């Protein structure tokens, strides 16, 4: 038996043992509250939601936008070693300028202010 097969068998034995122990040792006392779709205690027939702030989604979209643009810079150390490093440097500076101008624009427009 090779190492991979023995590790797979060992992982299966440990997993099955833990599943059996969990089923045998846990105490389950179902009641109406635990069997309801919402365990938090409110009546699911009423609308208990607070009004959703659109500011939260705007800040989340801005975070994703800046995060994705930063992800474009991750291959930079490998791209510097290409045949045309000045071309790579030009695109890097372009991305950084777009990020900077976008950040300044959002700051001046008040897009980063959470409360007004």
N, C-alpha and C. Protein backbone atom coordinates (compact mmCIF):
# COMPACT_ATOMS: atom_id res chain seq x y z
N UNK A 1 0.85 -1.18 0.00
CA UNK A 1 0.00 0.00 0.00
C UNK A 1 0.90 1.24 0.00
N UNK A 2 0.61 2.17 -0.88
CA UNK A 2 1.44 3.36 -0.93
C UNK A 2 0.95 4.42 0.04
N UNK A 3 1.68 5.49 0.13
CA UNK A 3 1.42 6.53 1.12
C UNK A 3 0.08 7.22 0.88
N UNK A 4 -0.24 7.51 -0.38
CA UNK A 4 -1.49 8.20 -0.68
C UNK A 4 -2.70 7.38 -0.26
N UNK A 5 -2.68 6.11 -0.56
CA UNK A 5 -3.79 5.24 -0.20
C UNK A 5 -3.94 5.14 1.31
N UNK A 6 -2.83 5.02 2.00
CA UNK A 6 -2.91 4.91 3.46
C UNK A 6 -3.41 6.22 4.09
N UNK A 7 -3.02 7.36 3.54
CA UNK A 7 -3.52 8.64 4.05
C UNK A 7 -5.01 8.82 3.80
N UNK A 8 -5.48 8.38 2.64
CA UNK A 8 -6.91 8.47 2.33
C UNK A 8 -7.71 7.57 3.26
N UNK A 9 -7.21 6.35 3.50
CA UNK A 9 -7.89 5.43 4.41
C UNK A 9 -7.90 5.99 5.83
N UNK A 10 -6.78 6.56 6.27
CA UNK A 10 -6.71 7.15 7.60
C UNK A 10 -7.67 8.34 7.74
N UNK A 11 -7.76 9.18 6.72
CA UNK A 11 -8.68 10.32 6.75
C UNK A 11 -10.13 9.86 6.80
N UNK A 12 -10.46 8.82 6.05
CA UNK A 12 -11.82 8.28 6.07
C UNK A 12 -12.15 7.68 7.43
N UNK A 13 -11.22 6.95 8.02
CA UNK A 13 -11.46 6.35 9.34
C UNK A 13 -11.69 7.43 10.39
N UNK A 14 -10.85 8.47 10.38
CA UNK A 14 -11.00 9.55 11.36
C UNK A 14 -12.32 10.28 11.13
N UNK A 15 -12.68 10.56 9.88
CA UNK A 15 -13.92 11.28 9.58
C UNK A 15 -15.15 10.48 10.02
N UNK A 16 -15.17 9.21 9.68
CA UNK A 16 -16.32 8.38 10.04
C UNK A 16 -16.41 8.24 11.55
N UNK A 17 -15.27 8.09 12.23
CA UNK A 17 -15.28 7.99 13.70
C UNK A 17 -15.83 9.26 14.33
N UNK A 18 -15.41 10.42 13.85
CA UNK A 18 -15.91 11.67 14.41
C UNK A 18 -17.39 11.89 14.13
N UNK A 19 -17.86 11.48 12.97
CA UNK A 19 -19.29 11.61 12.65
C UNK A 19 -20.12 10.72 13.57
N UNK A 20 -19.67 9.48 13.78
CA UNK A 20 -20.39 8.57 14.66
C UNK A 20 -20.38 9.08 16.09
N UNK A 21 -19.24 9.57 16.57
CA UNK A 21 -19.17 10.13 17.92
C UNK A 21 -20.09 11.34 18.08
N UNK A 22 -20.14 12.17 17.09
CA UNK A 22 -21.00 13.35 17.15
C UNK A 22 -22.47 12.94 17.24
N UNK A 23 -22.88 11.97 16.44
CA UNK A 23 -24.27 11.53 16.47
C UNK A 23 -24.63 10.84 17.78
N UNK A 24 -23.69 10.16 18.39
CA UNK A 24 -23.98 9.43 19.62
C UNK A 24 -23.93 10.32 20.86
N UNK A 25 -23.08 11.31 20.87
CA UNK A 25 -22.86 12.09 22.09
C UNK A 25 -23.70 13.36 22.20
N UNK A 26 -24.25 13.83 21.09
CA UNK A 26 -25.02 15.08 21.17
C UNK A 26 -26.41 14.81 21.70
N UNK A 27 -26.91 15.77 22.49
CA UNK A 27 -28.26 15.68 23.02
C UNK A 27 -29.15 16.59 22.19
N UNK A 28 -30.18 16.02 21.63
CA UNK A 28 -31.11 16.82 20.84
C UNK A 28 -32.45 16.84 21.55
N UNK A 29 -32.92 18.04 21.82
CA UNK A 29 -34.23 18.23 22.43
C UNK A 29 -35.02 19.19 21.55
N UNK A 30 -35.64 18.67 20.51
CA UNK A 30 -36.37 19.58 19.61
C UNK A 30 -37.61 20.14 20.28
N UNK A 31 -37.86 21.42 20.05
CA UNK A 31 -39.09 22.07 20.50
C UNK A 31 -39.59 22.97 19.37
N UNK A 32 -40.69 23.65 19.62
CA UNK A 32 -41.28 24.46 18.54
C UNK A 32 -40.36 25.57 18.07
N UNK A 33 -39.60 26.18 18.99
CA UNK A 33 -38.71 27.27 18.59
C UNK A 33 -37.58 26.77 17.72
N UNK A 34 -37.02 25.62 18.08
CA UNK A 34 -35.89 25.10 17.30
C UNK A 34 -36.33 24.52 15.96
N UNK A 35 -37.57 24.09 15.89
CA UNK A 35 -38.06 23.53 14.63
C UNK A 35 -38.59 24.59 13.68
N UNK A 36 -38.72 25.84 14.16
CA UNK A 36 -39.19 26.91 13.28
C UNK A 36 -38.05 27.33 12.35
N UNK A 37 -38.38 27.95 11.22
CA UNK A 37 -37.32 28.35 10.29
C UNK A 37 -36.39 29.42 10.86
N UNK A 38 -36.88 30.20 11.83
CA UNK A 38 -36.07 31.26 12.43
C UNK A 38 -35.88 30.95 13.90
N UNK A 39 -34.63 30.71 14.31
CA UNK A 39 -34.35 30.39 15.70
C UNK A 39 -34.16 31.63 16.56
N UNK A 40 -34.17 32.81 15.96
CA UNK A 40 -33.83 34.01 16.72
C UNK A 40 -35.00 34.52 17.57
N UNK A 41 -36.19 34.00 17.39
CA UNK A 41 -37.27 34.33 18.28
C UNK A 41 -38.32 35.27 17.73
N UNK A 42 -38.13 35.87 16.55
CA UNK A 42 -39.17 36.77 16.06
C UNK A 42 -40.16 36.01 15.18
N UNK A 43 -41.32 36.57 15.05
CA UNK A 43 -42.38 35.96 14.27
C UNK A 43 -42.06 36.10 12.78
N UNK A 44 -41.96 35.01 12.03
CA UNK A 44 -41.57 35.12 10.62
C UNK A 44 -42.67 35.70 9.73
N UNK A 45 -43.86 35.90 10.26
CA UNK A 45 -44.94 36.43 9.43
C UNK A 45 -44.92 37.95 9.34
N UNK A 46 -44.23 38.62 10.26
CA UNK A 46 -44.12 40.08 10.22
C UNK A 46 -42.81 40.47 9.57
N UNK A 47 -42.75 41.68 9.06
CA UNK A 47 -41.49 42.19 8.53
C UNK A 47 -40.77 42.92 9.65
N UNK A 48 -39.68 42.36 10.11
CA UNK A 48 -38.93 42.94 11.22
C UNK A 48 -37.63 43.59 10.75
N UNK A 49 -37.51 43.82 9.48
CA UNK A 49 -36.27 44.38 8.96
C UNK A 49 -36.20 45.87 9.19
N UNK A 50 -34.99 46.32 9.42
CA UNK A 50 -34.74 47.76 9.47
C UNK A 50 -34.59 48.27 8.05
N UNK A 51 -34.83 49.53 7.81
CA UNK A 51 -34.62 50.04 6.45
C UNK A 51 -33.16 49.89 6.04
N UNK A 52 -32.94 49.38 4.86
CA UNK A 52 -31.60 49.12 4.37
C UNK A 52 -30.96 50.40 3.85
N UNK A 53 -29.75 50.66 4.30
CA UNK A 53 -29.04 51.85 3.87
C UNK A 53 -28.31 51.57 2.55
N UNK A 54 -28.57 52.41 1.57
CA UNK A 54 -27.91 52.25 0.27
C UNK A 54 -26.44 52.62 0.37
N UNK A 55 -26.06 53.38 1.41
CA UNK A 55 -24.66 53.76 1.60
C UNK A 55 -23.78 52.53 1.81
N UNK A 56 -24.33 51.54 2.50
CA UNK A 56 -23.57 50.32 2.75
C UNK A 56 -23.19 49.64 1.45
N UNK A 57 -24.14 49.51 0.55
CA UNK A 57 -23.84 48.84 -0.72
C UNK A 57 -22.90 49.69 -1.57
N UNK A 58 -23.00 51.00 -1.51
CA UNK A 58 -22.08 51.84 -2.28
C UNK A 58 -20.64 51.71 -1.79
N UNK A 59 -20.47 51.70 -0.47
CA UNK A 59 -19.12 51.53 0.08
C UNK A 59 -18.60 50.14 -0.25
N UNK A 60 -19.47 49.12 -0.23
CA UNK A 60 -19.04 47.76 -0.57
C UNK A 60 -18.62 47.68 -2.04
N UNK A 61 -19.35 48.34 -2.93
CA UNK A 61 -18.99 48.34 -4.35
C UNK A 61 -17.67 49.07 -4.56
N UNK A 62 -17.48 50.18 -3.85
CA UNK A 62 -16.20 50.90 -3.96
C UNK A 62 -15.04 50.04 -3.48
N UNK A 63 -15.26 49.32 -2.37
CA UNK A 63 -14.21 48.44 -1.88
C UNK A 63 -13.87 47.38 -2.92
N UNK A 64 -14.88 46.75 -3.51
CA UNK A 64 -14.62 45.73 -4.53
C UNK A 64 -13.91 46.31 -5.74
N UNK A 65 -14.30 47.50 -6.14
CA UNK A 65 -13.67 48.13 -7.30
C UNK A 65 -12.19 48.39 -7.05
N UNK A 66 -11.86 49.00 -5.89
CA UNK A 66 -10.46 49.27 -5.60
C UNK A 66 -9.69 47.98 -5.35
N UNK A 67 -10.33 47.00 -4.75
CA UNK A 67 -9.67 45.73 -4.49
C UNK A 67 -9.33 45.02 -5.80
N UNK A 68 -10.23 45.04 -6.75
CA UNK A 68 -9.97 44.39 -8.04
C UNK A 68 -8.89 45.13 -8.82
N UNK A 69 -8.87 46.45 -8.71
CA UNK A 69 -7.83 47.19 -9.42
C UNK A 69 -6.46 46.95 -8.80
N UNK A 70 -6.41 46.78 -7.51
CA UNK A 70 -5.13 46.44 -6.87
C UNK A 70 -4.70 45.04 -7.29
N UNK A 71 -5.66 44.14 -7.50
CA UNK A 71 -5.32 42.79 -7.94
C UNK A 71 -4.67 42.79 -9.32
N UNK A 72 -4.95 43.83 -10.10
CA UNK A 72 -4.28 43.95 -11.41
C UNK A 72 -2.78 44.18 -11.26
N UNK A 73 -2.36 44.70 -10.10
CA UNK A 73 -0.94 44.99 -9.89
C UNK A 73 -0.16 43.79 -9.35
N UNK A 74 -0.85 42.71 -9.00
CA UNK A 74 -0.16 41.56 -8.42
C UNK A 74 0.88 40.93 -9.35
N UNK A 75 0.64 40.81 -10.64
CA UNK A 75 1.67 40.20 -11.50
C UNK A 75 2.82 41.14 -11.85
N UNK A 76 2.88 42.30 -11.22
CA UNK A 76 3.89 43.29 -11.56
C UNK A 76 5.33 42.78 -11.39
N UNK A 77 5.71 42.11 -10.30
CA UNK A 77 7.11 41.65 -10.21
C UNK A 77 7.51 40.71 -11.33
N UNK A 78 6.59 39.91 -11.82
CA UNK A 78 6.92 39.01 -12.92
C UNK A 78 6.89 39.76 -14.25
N UNK A 79 6.03 40.75 -14.37
CA UNK A 79 5.92 41.49 -15.63
C UNK A 79 7.10 42.41 -15.86
N UNK A 80 7.79 42.83 -14.80
CA UNK A 80 8.96 43.69 -14.95
C UNK A 80 10.07 42.95 -15.71
N UNK A 81 10.06 41.64 -15.63
CA UNK A 81 11.11 40.85 -16.27
C UNK A 81 10.83 40.56 -17.74
N UNK A 82 9.77 41.13 -18.29
CA UNK A 82 9.45 40.92 -19.70
C UNK A 82 10.43 41.71 -20.57
N UNK A 83 10.24 41.59 -21.88
CA UNK A 83 11.15 42.24 -22.83
C UNK A 83 11.02 43.76 -22.81
N UNK A 84 9.82 44.25 -22.49
CA UNK A 84 9.60 45.70 -22.48
C UNK A 84 9.16 46.14 -21.09
N UNK A 85 10.11 46.37 -20.18
CA UNK A 85 9.71 46.78 -18.82
C UNK A 85 9.13 48.19 -18.78
N UNK A 86 9.48 49.04 -19.72
CA UNK A 86 8.92 50.39 -19.72
C UNK A 86 7.43 50.37 -20.07
N UNK A 87 7.04 49.46 -20.94
CA UNK A 87 5.62 49.29 -21.28
C UNK A 87 4.85 48.84 -20.05
N UNK A 88 5.41 47.90 -19.30
CA UNK A 88 4.79 47.43 -18.07
C UNK A 88 4.71 48.55 -17.05
N UNK A 89 5.77 49.34 -16.92
CA UNK A 89 5.78 50.44 -15.98
C UNK A 89 4.75 51.50 -16.36
N UNK A 90 4.56 51.73 -17.65
CA UNK A 90 3.56 52.70 -18.10
C UNK A 90 2.15 52.23 -17.70
N UNK A 91 1.84 50.97 -17.90
CA UNK A 91 0.52 50.45 -17.51
C UNK A 91 0.34 50.46 -16.00
N UNK A 92 1.40 50.20 -15.26
CA UNK A 92 1.31 50.24 -13.80
C UNK A 92 1.01 51.65 -13.32
N UNK A 93 1.70 52.62 -13.86
CA UNK A 93 1.47 54.02 -13.48
C UNK A 93 0.06 54.44 -13.88
N UNK A 94 -0.42 53.98 -15.03
CA UNK A 94 -1.78 54.29 -15.47
C UNK A 94 -2.81 53.75 -14.48
N UNK A 95 -2.65 52.50 -14.04
CA UNK A 95 -3.58 51.90 -13.08
C UNK A 95 -3.53 52.64 -11.76
N UNK A 96 -2.32 52.97 -11.30
CA UNK A 96 -2.20 53.68 -10.03
C UNK A 96 -2.79 55.09 -10.11
N UNK A 97 -2.63 55.76 -11.24
CA UNK A 97 -3.23 57.08 -11.41
C UNK A 97 -4.76 56.98 -11.43
N UNK A 98 -5.30 55.96 -12.11
CA UNK A 98 -6.74 55.77 -12.11
C UNK A 98 -7.26 55.52 -10.70
N UNK A 99 -6.54 54.70 -9.94
CA UNK A 99 -6.93 54.44 -8.55
C UNK A 99 -6.89 55.72 -7.72
N UNK A 100 -5.83 56.49 -7.89
CA UNK A 100 -5.68 57.71 -7.11
C UNK A 100 -6.74 58.74 -7.46
N UNK A 101 -6.97 58.96 -8.75
CA UNK A 101 -7.99 59.92 -9.16
C UNK A 101 -9.39 59.46 -8.77
N UNK A 102 -9.65 58.18 -8.86
CA UNK A 102 -10.95 57.65 -8.43
C UNK A 102 -11.16 57.84 -6.94
N UNK A 103 -10.10 57.60 -6.17
CA UNK A 103 -10.19 57.79 -4.72
C UNK A 103 -10.42 59.26 -4.37
N UNK A 104 -9.69 60.15 -5.02
CA UNK A 104 -9.85 61.59 -4.77
C UNK A 104 -11.25 62.04 -5.17
N UNK A 105 -11.75 61.55 -6.30
CA UNK A 105 -13.10 61.92 -6.75
C UNK A 105 -14.16 61.46 -5.74
N UNK A 106 -14.05 60.22 -5.28
CA UNK A 106 -15.03 59.71 -4.31
C UNK A 106 -14.93 60.46 -2.98
N UNK A 107 -13.73 60.83 -2.61
CA UNK A 107 -13.55 61.57 -1.36
C UNK A 107 -14.20 62.95 -1.46
N UNK A 108 -13.96 63.66 -2.59
CA UNK A 108 -14.53 64.99 -2.75
C UNK A 108 -16.05 64.95 -2.91
N UNK A 109 -16.59 63.89 -3.51
CA UNK A 109 -18.03 63.77 -3.67
C UNK A 109 -18.73 63.29 -2.41
N UNK A 110 -17.97 62.87 -1.40
CA UNK A 110 -18.56 62.41 -0.15
C UNK A 110 -18.99 60.95 -0.19
N UNK A 111 -18.48 60.20 -1.13
CA UNK A 111 -18.86 58.79 -1.24
C UNK A 111 -18.29 57.92 -0.15
N UNK A 112 -17.28 58.42 0.55
CA UNK A 112 -16.67 57.62 1.61
C UNK A 112 -17.19 57.99 3.00
N UNK A 113 -18.07 58.97 3.07
CA UNK A 113 -18.66 59.38 4.35
C UNK A 113 -19.78 58.40 4.70
N UNK A 114 -19.68 57.79 5.86
CA UNK A 114 -20.70 56.82 6.25
C UNK A 114 -21.97 57.51 6.75
N UNK A 115 -21.81 58.51 7.58
CA UNK A 115 -22.97 59.22 8.12
C UNK A 115 -22.94 60.66 7.62
N UNK A 116 -24.13 61.19 7.36
CA UNK A 116 -24.20 62.57 6.86
C UNK A 116 -24.55 63.52 7.97
